[in-house]
Amino acid sequence: MAEQKPCRKDLLHWINIVSFAVDDVKLFLDSHPCDQDALEFFEKYQKERNCALKEYAKYYGPLTIDTVNASATDRWNWINEPWPWQEGGC
């Protein structure tokens, strides 16, 4: 059975949600570094964000340098794909 490609817009929306959550809790942790609940929240959503970024890179190309595939066959191929702010739909 073929793997179904996720909707690009939905995946970008999820990345924005988890990225906001991670950034927001990082600011909170600056002034509350020992808050165990905040640390657990950060770890959970940081993992979610990394998974979402990897999934996006797998189907649509990398959004961050962390998800670039450095193999010779994939050398900078994302330049030929629609950019995240361009119309792409699902």
N, C-alpha and C. Protein backbone atom coordinates (compact mmCIF):
# COMPACT_ATOMS: atom_id res chain seq x y z
N MET A 1 0.83 -1.18 0.00
CA MET A 1 0.00 0.00 0.00
C MET A 1 0.88 1.25 0.00
N ALA A 2 0.59 2.19 -0.87
CA ALA A 2 1.38 3.41 -1.00
C ALA A 2 1.13 4.36 0.17
N GLU A 3 2.20 5.01 0.59
CA GLU A 3 2.10 5.99 1.66
C GLU A 3 1.41 7.24 1.13
N GLN A 4 0.44 7.76 1.90
CA GLN A 4 -0.29 8.94 1.45
C GLN A 4 0.47 10.21 1.83
N LYS A 5 0.64 11.08 0.86
CA LYS A 5 1.34 12.34 1.06
C LYS A 5 0.45 13.27 1.88
N PRO A 6 0.99 13.86 2.97
CA PRO A 6 0.17 14.76 3.78
C PRO A 6 -0.11 16.08 3.05
N CYS A 7 -1.18 16.74 3.42
CA CYS A 7 -1.52 18.03 2.83
C CYS A 7 -0.47 19.06 3.25
N ARG A 8 0.09 19.73 2.26
CA ARG A 8 1.15 20.70 2.51
C ARG A 8 0.69 21.82 3.44
N LYS A 9 -0.49 22.38 3.17
CA LYS A 9 -0.98 23.49 3.99
C LYS A 9 -1.24 23.05 5.42
N ASP A 10 -1.81 21.87 5.59
CA ASP A 10 -2.09 21.36 6.94
C ASP A 10 -0.78 21.12 7.71
N LEU A 11 0.20 20.58 7.03
CA LEU A 11 1.48 20.31 7.67
C LEU A 11 2.18 21.62 8.05
N LEU A 12 2.15 22.62 7.17
CA LEU A 12 2.73 23.92 7.50
C LEU A 12 2.00 24.56 8.67
N HIS A 13 0.67 24.42 8.70
CA HIS A 13 -0.11 24.96 9.81
C HIS A 13 0.30 24.30 11.12
N TRP A 14 0.47 22.99 11.12
CA TRP A 14 0.90 22.28 12.33
C TRP A 14 2.30 22.72 12.75
N ILE A 15 3.20 22.89 11.80
CA ILE A 15 4.55 23.35 12.10
C ILE A 15 4.50 24.74 12.76
N ASN A 16 3.64 25.60 12.25
CA ASN A 16 3.50 26.93 12.86
C ASN A 16 2.97 26.84 14.29
N ILE A 17 2.01 25.96 14.52
CA ILE A 17 1.45 25.80 15.86
C ILE A 17 2.50 25.32 16.85
N VAL A 18 3.18 24.23 16.51
CA VAL A 18 4.16 23.68 17.45
C VAL A 18 5.38 24.59 17.59
N SER A 19 5.74 25.31 16.54
CA SER A 19 6.85 26.25 16.62
C SER A 19 6.51 27.40 17.57
N PHE A 20 5.29 27.90 17.50
CA PHE A 20 4.86 28.95 18.42
C PHE A 20 4.90 28.44 19.86
N ALA A 21 4.40 27.23 20.07
CA ALA A 21 4.38 26.66 21.42
C ALA A 21 5.80 26.53 21.97
N VAL A 22 6.72 26.06 21.15
CA VAL A 22 8.11 25.90 21.57
C VAL A 22 8.74 27.26 21.87
N ASP A 23 8.54 28.23 21.00
CA ASP A 23 9.12 29.55 21.22
C ASP A 23 8.55 30.22 22.47
N ASP A 24 7.25 30.07 22.67
CA ASP A 24 6.59 30.68 23.82
C ASP A 24 7.10 30.08 25.13
N VAL A 25 7.18 28.77 25.17
CA VAL A 25 7.64 28.14 26.42
C VAL A 25 9.13 28.40 26.66
N LYS A 26 9.91 28.59 25.59
CA LYS A 26 11.32 28.96 25.78
C LYS A 26 11.44 30.29 26.50
N LEU A 27 10.59 31.24 26.13
CA LEU A 27 10.60 32.53 26.81
C LEU A 27 10.24 32.38 28.28
N PHE A 28 9.24 31.55 28.55
CA PHE A 28 8.84 31.30 29.94
C PHE A 28 9.97 30.66 30.72
N LEU A 29 10.66 29.71 30.10
CA LEU A 29 11.75 29.01 30.78
C LEU A 29 12.95 29.93 31.07
N ASP A 30 13.06 31.02 30.32
CA ASP A 30 14.13 31.98 30.62
C ASP A 30 14.01 32.52 32.04
N SER A 31 12.79 32.71 32.50
CA SER A 31 12.59 33.25 33.85
C SER A 31 12.15 32.20 34.87
N HIS A 32 11.84 30.99 34.39
CA HIS A 32 11.41 29.89 35.27
C HIS A 32 12.13 28.60 34.88
N PRO A 33 13.46 28.57 34.95
CA PRO A 33 14.22 27.44 34.43
C PRO A 33 14.01 26.11 35.16
N CYS A 34 13.43 26.16 36.33
CA CYS A 34 13.24 24.93 37.10
C CYS A 34 11.80 24.42 37.06
N ASP A 35 10.95 25.05 36.26
CA ASP A 35 9.55 24.63 36.18
C ASP A 35 9.45 23.32 35.41
N GLN A 36 9.21 22.23 36.14
CA GLN A 36 9.21 20.89 35.54
C GLN A 36 8.11 20.72 34.49
N ASP A 37 6.94 21.28 34.74
CA ASP A 37 5.84 21.18 33.76
C ASP A 37 6.22 21.87 32.46
N ALA A 38 6.83 23.04 32.57
CA ALA A 38 7.24 23.77 31.38
C ALA A 38 8.34 23.02 30.63
N LEU A 39 9.25 22.42 31.35
CA LEU A 39 10.32 21.63 30.71
C LEU A 39 9.74 20.43 29.96
N GLU A 40 8.78 19.75 30.56
CA GLU A 40 8.13 18.62 29.90
C GLU A 40 7.36 19.08 28.66
N PHE A 41 6.66 20.20 28.78
CA PHE A 41 5.93 20.77 27.64
C PHE A 41 6.89 21.08 26.50
N PHE A 42 8.02 21.72 26.85
CA PHE A 42 9.03 22.05 25.85
C PHE A 42 9.53 20.81 25.13
N GLU A 43 9.89 19.78 25.90
CA GLU A 43 10.41 18.55 25.30
C GLU A 43 9.39 17.89 24.38
N LYS A 44 8.14 17.85 24.82
CA LYS A 44 7.08 17.22 24.02
C LYS A 44 6.91 17.95 22.68
N TYR A 45 6.77 19.27 22.73
CA TYR A 45 6.50 20.01 21.50
C TYR A 45 7.74 20.23 20.65
N GLN A 46 8.91 20.18 21.25
CA GLN A 46 10.14 20.22 20.46
C GLN A 46 10.23 18.94 19.61
N LYS A 47 9.90 17.80 20.19
CA LYS A 47 9.88 16.54 19.43
C LYS A 47 8.84 16.58 18.33
N GLU A 48 7.64 17.10 18.65
CA GLU A 48 6.57 17.22 17.65
C GLU A 48 7.03 18.10 16.49
N ARG A 49 7.68 19.21 16.82
CA ARG A 49 8.16 20.13 15.79
C ARG A 49 9.21 19.46 14.91
N ASN A 50 10.16 18.78 15.52
CA ASN A 50 11.20 18.11 14.74
C ASN A 50 10.61 17.05 13.82
N CYS A 51 9.65 16.28 14.31
CA CYS A 51 9.00 15.26 13.48
C CYS A 51 8.26 15.91 12.31
N ALA A 52 7.55 17.00 12.59
CA ALA A 52 6.81 17.69 11.53
C ALA A 52 7.75 18.28 10.49
N LEU A 53 8.86 18.86 10.94
CA LEU A 53 9.84 19.42 9.99
C LEU A 53 10.46 18.32 9.12
N LYS A 54 10.74 17.18 9.71
CA LYS A 54 11.29 16.06 8.94
C LYS A 54 10.28 15.53 7.94
N GLU A 55 9.02 15.44 8.37
CA GLU A 55 7.97 14.97 7.45
C GLU A 55 7.79 15.95 6.30
N TYR A 56 7.79 17.24 6.60
CA TYR A 56 7.66 18.24 5.54
C TYR A 56 8.83 18.12 4.56
N ALA A 57 10.03 18.00 5.09
CA ALA A 57 11.21 17.89 4.23
C ALA A 57 11.15 16.65 3.35
N LYS A 58 10.61 15.58 3.88
CA LYS A 58 10.50 14.33 3.13
C LYS A 58 9.64 14.50 1.87
N TYR A 59 8.56 15.24 1.99
CA TYR A 59 7.61 15.37 0.88
C TYR A 59 7.77 16.65 0.07
N TYR A 60 8.19 17.74 0.71
CA TYR A 60 8.17 19.05 0.04
C TYR A 60 9.49 19.79 0.04
N GLY A 61 10.51 19.26 0.69
CA GLY A 61 11.79 19.93 0.78
C GLY A 61 11.96 20.57 2.15
N PRO A 62 13.20 20.86 2.52
CA PRO A 62 13.49 21.36 3.86
C PRO A 62 13.01 22.80 4.08
N LEU A 63 12.54 23.05 5.31
CA LEU A 63 12.21 24.41 5.73
C LEU A 63 13.34 25.02 6.53
N THR A 64 14.14 24.17 7.15
CA THR A 64 15.28 24.63 7.95
C THR A 64 16.52 23.85 7.52
N ILE A 65 17.66 24.39 7.83
CA ILE A 65 18.92 23.73 7.48
C ILE A 65 19.06 22.39 8.19
N ASP A 66 18.37 22.23 9.32
CA ASP A 66 18.45 20.99 10.10
C ASP A 66 17.85 19.79 9.38
N THR A 67 17.00 20.02 8.41
CA THR A 67 16.34 18.91 7.73
C THR A 67 16.81 18.74 6.29
N VAL A 68 17.93 19.34 5.95
CA VAL A 68 18.50 19.19 4.61
C VAL A 68 19.16 17.83 4.51
N ASN A 69 18.87 17.12 3.45
CA ASN A 69 19.52 15.84 3.17
C ASN A 69 20.80 16.15 2.41
N ALA A 70 21.92 15.81 2.98
CA ALA A 70 23.22 16.19 2.43
C ALA A 70 23.75 15.24 1.36
N SER A 71 22.94 14.27 0.93
CA SER A 71 23.44 13.33 -0.08
C SER A 71 23.64 14.02 -1.42
N ALA A 72 24.53 13.49 -2.21
CA ALA A 72 24.87 14.10 -3.51
C ALA A 72 23.69 14.10 -4.47
N THR A 73 22.79 13.12 -4.35
CA THR A 73 21.68 13.04 -5.30
C THR A 73 20.58 14.05 -5.00
N ASP A 74 20.53 14.57 -3.79
CA ASP A 74 19.49 15.54 -3.42
C ASP A 74 20.03 16.97 -3.37
N ARG A 75 21.15 17.19 -3.97
CA ARG A 75 21.84 18.47 -3.85
C ARG A 75 20.95 19.64 -4.25
N TRP A 76 20.47 20.36 -3.28
CA TRP A 76 19.71 21.60 -3.44
C TRP A 76 18.47 21.47 -4.32
N ASN A 77 17.86 20.29 -4.36
CA ASN A 77 16.68 20.08 -5.20
C ASN A 77 15.47 20.89 -4.77
N TRP A 78 15.41 21.32 -3.52
CA TRP A 78 14.22 22.03 -3.06
C TRP A 78 14.01 23.36 -3.80
N ILE A 79 15.03 23.87 -4.44
CA ILE A 79 14.91 25.13 -5.17
C ILE A 79 13.88 25.02 -6.31
N ASN A 80 13.65 23.79 -6.79
CA ASN A 80 12.72 23.57 -7.89
C ASN A 80 11.28 23.35 -7.42
N GLU A 81 11.09 23.21 -6.12
CA GLU A 81 9.75 22.98 -5.56
C GLU A 81 9.09 24.32 -5.26
N PRO A 82 7.74 24.34 -5.13
CA PRO A 82 7.09 25.59 -4.70
C PRO A 82 7.58 25.98 -3.30
N TRP A 83 7.80 27.25 -3.08
CA TRP A 83 8.22 27.74 -1.78
C TRP A 83 7.03 27.72 -0.83
N PRO A 84 7.28 27.65 0.48
CA PRO A 84 6.18 27.53 1.45
C PRO A 84 5.12 28.61 1.33
N TRP A 85 5.46 29.80 0.91
CA TRP A 85 4.49 30.89 0.82
C TRP A 85 3.77 30.93 -0.53
N GLN A 86 4.18 30.09 -1.47
CA GLN A 86 3.53 30.02 -2.76
C GLN A 86 2.34 29.08 -2.70
N GLU A 87 1.43 29.24 -3.64
CA GLU A 87 0.28 28.34 -3.71
C GLU A 87 0.76 26.94 -4.02
N GLY A 88 0.29 25.99 -3.24
CA GLY A 88 0.70 24.60 -3.48
C GLY A 88 -0.43 23.66 -3.21
N GLY A 89 -1.33 24.06 -2.33
CA GLY A 89 -2.47 23.21 -2.01
C GLY A 89 -2.03 21.91 -1.39
N CYS A 90 -2.87 20.93 -1.55
CA CYS A 90 -2.62 19.61 -0.97
C CYS A 90 -2.09 18.66 -2.02
